[in-house]
Amino acid sequence: MKKLLLAMGFAAFSMAASAETVEFATADADGNGAVTMEEAMAAMPNVSSDTVAAADSDGDGVLTVAEYEALASQ
């Protein structure tokens, strides 16, 4: 939980400090190889939850590298 909160704070600071997109590895706060809705929202606070959900093309509830990168490039 501490790692997730730290990553969320880092992601928010990174987004405020620059227009760059947070990379997948950084967004994947728990390092499990997938980005959850919460992790995606922390990494991209200006993106709506509906947009993140729509990016989950296989509907499994998490974003793969390809799904995350497609969302980040929008």
C-alpha atoms as a PDB file:
ATOM      1  CA  MET A   1       0.000   0.000   0.000  1.00  0.00           C
ATOM      2  CA  LYS A   2       2.838   2.376   0.825  1.00  0.00           C
ATOM      3  CA  LYS A   3       4.380   1.743  -2.592  1.00  0.00           C
ATOM      4  CA  LEU A   4       1.076   2.518  -4.311  1.00  0.00           C
ATOM      5  CA  LEU A   5       0.643   5.773  -2.389  1.00  0.00           C
ATOM      6  CA  LEU A   6       4.226   6.755  -3.102  1.00  0.00           C
ATOM      7  CA  ALA A   7       3.803   5.975  -6.783  1.00  0.00           C
ATOM      8  CA  MET A   8       0.542   7.923  -6.887  1.00  0.00           C
ATOM      9  CA  GLY A   9       2.227  10.944  -5.327  1.00  0.00           C
ATOM     10  CA  PHE A  10       5.176  10.646  -7.679  1.00  0.00           C
ATOM     11  CA  ALA A  11       2.892  10.297 -10.684  1.00  0.00           C
ATOM     12  CA  ALA A  12       0.859  13.341  -9.700  1.00  0.00           C
ATOM     13  CA  PHE A  13       4.018  15.376  -9.182  1.00  0.00           C
ATOM     14  CA  SER A  14       5.467  14.179 -12.482  1.00  0.00           C
ATOM     15  CA  MET A  15       2.333  15.102 -14.397  1.00  0.00           C
ATOM     16  CA  ALA A  16       2.228  18.528 -12.797  1.00  0.00           C
ATOM     17  CA  ALA A  17       5.896  19.135 -13.480  1.00  0.00           C
ATOM     18  CA  SER A  18       5.826  18.225 -17.148  1.00  0.00           C
ATOM     19  CA  ALA A  19       3.575  17.264 -20.024  1.00  0.00           C
ATOM     20  CA  GLU A  20       5.362  13.928 -20.449  1.00  0.00           C
ATOM     21  CA  THR A  21       3.416  10.711 -20.059  1.00  0.00           C
ATOM     22  CA  VAL A  22       4.327   8.436 -17.179  1.00  0.00           C
ATOM     23  CA  GLU A  23       5.910   5.276 -18.545  1.00  0.00           C
ATOM     24  CA  PHE A  24       4.217   1.902 -18.059  1.00  0.00           C
ATOM     25  CA  ALA A  25       6.837   0.641 -15.603  1.00  0.00           C
ATOM     26  CA  THR A  26       6.327   3.688 -13.406  1.00  0.00           C
ATOM     27  CA  ALA A  27       2.534   3.514 -13.637  1.00  0.00           C
ATOM     28  CA  ASP A  28       2.650  -0.186 -12.655  1.00  0.00           C
ATOM     29  CA  ALA A  29       3.217   0.715  -9.009  1.00  0.00           C
ATOM     30  CA  ASP A  30       3.029  -2.840  -7.685  1.00  0.00           C
ATOM     31  CA  GLY A  31       5.210  -4.238 -10.476  1.00  0.00           C
ATOM     32  CA  ASN A  32       2.828  -7.038 -11.439  1.00  0.00           C
ATOM     33  CA  GLY A  33       3.047  -6.360 -15.179  1.00  0.00           C
ATOM     34  CA  ALA A  34      -0.390  -4.762 -15.486  1.00  0.00           C
ATOM     35  CA  VAL A  35      -1.775  -1.312 -14.723  1.00  0.00           C
ATOM     36  CA  THR A  36      -4.993  -1.222 -12.714  1.00  0.00           C
ATOM     37  CA  MET A  37      -7.619   1.494 -13.044  1.00  0.00           C
ATOM     38  CA  GLU A  38      -6.266   3.113  -9.863  1.00  0.00           C
ATOM     39  CA  GLU A  39      -2.677   3.029 -11.108  1.00  0.00           C
ATOM     40  CA  ALA A  40      -3.701   4.473 -14.485  1.00  0.00           C
ATOM     41  CA  MET A  41      -5.691   7.266 -12.844  1.00  0.00           C
ATOM     42  CA  ALA A  42      -2.725   8.099 -10.613  1.00  0.00           C
ATOM     43  CA  ALA A  43      -0.372   8.167 -13.596  1.00  0.00           C
ATOM     44  CA  MET A  44      -2.778  10.153 -15.782  1.00  0.00           C
ATOM     45  CA  PRO A  45      -4.933  12.301 -13.493  1.00  0.00           C
ATOM     46  CA  ASN A  46      -6.355  14.268 -16.426  1.00  0.00           C
ATOM     47  CA  VAL A  47      -7.829  11.144 -18.057  1.00  0.00           C
ATOM     48  CA  SER A  48     -11.367  10.093 -17.126  1.00  0.00           C
ATOM     49  CA  SER A  49     -12.154   6.689 -15.674  1.00  0.00           C
ATOM     50  CA  ASP A  50     -14.387   6.030 -18.687  1.00  0.00           C
ATOM     51  CA  THR A  51     -11.439   6.634 -21.018  1.00  0.00           C
ATOM     52  CA  VAL A  52      -9.246   4.275 -19.007  1.00  0.00           C
ATOM     53  CA  ALA A  53     -11.992   1.624 -19.016  1.00  0.00           C
ATOM     54  CA  ALA A  54     -12.385   1.996 -22.780  1.00  0.00           C
ATOM     55  CA  ALA A  55      -8.633   1.458 -23.209  1.00  0.00           C
ATOM     56  CA  ASP A  56      -8.997  -1.973 -21.586  1.00  0.00           C
ATOM     57  CA  SER A  57      -9.705  -3.608 -24.947  1.00  0.00           C
ATOM     58  CA  ASP A  58      -9.887  -7.170 -23.622  1.00  0.00           C
ATOM     59  CA  GLY A  59     -12.064  -6.196 -20.651  1.00  0.00           C
ATOM     60  CA  ASP A  60      -9.967  -7.974 -18.038  1.00  0.00           C
ATOM     61  CA  GLY A  61      -9.895  -4.986 -15.671  1.00  0.00           C
ATOM     62  CA  VAL A  62      -6.226  -4.104 -16.147  1.00  0.00           C
ATOM     63  CA  LEU A  63      -4.164  -2.467 -18.867  1.00  0.00           C
ATOM     64  CA  THR A  64      -1.396  -4.338 -20.661  1.00  0.00           C
ATOM     65  CA  VAL A  65       1.640  -2.492 -21.986  1.00  0.00           C
ATOM     66  CA  ALA A  66      -0.012  -2.134 -25.407  1.00  0.00           C
ATOM     67  CA  GLU A  67      -3.318  -0.911 -23.939  1.00  0.00           C
ATOM     68  CA  TYR A  68      -1.550   1.565 -21.645  1.00  0.00           C
ATOM     69  CA  GLU A  69       0.655   2.912 -24.425  1.00  0.00           C
ATOM     70  CA  ALA A  70      -2.374   3.344 -26.709  1.00  0.00           C
ATOM     71  CA  LEU A  71      -4.126   5.294 -23.946  1.00  0.00           C
ATOM     72  CA  ALA A  72      -1.041   7.395 -23.234  1.00  0.00           C
ATOM     73  CA  SER A  73      -0.675   8.321 -26.905  1.00  0.00           C
ATOM     74  CA  GLN A  74      -4.188   9.792 -27.107  1.00  0.00           C
END
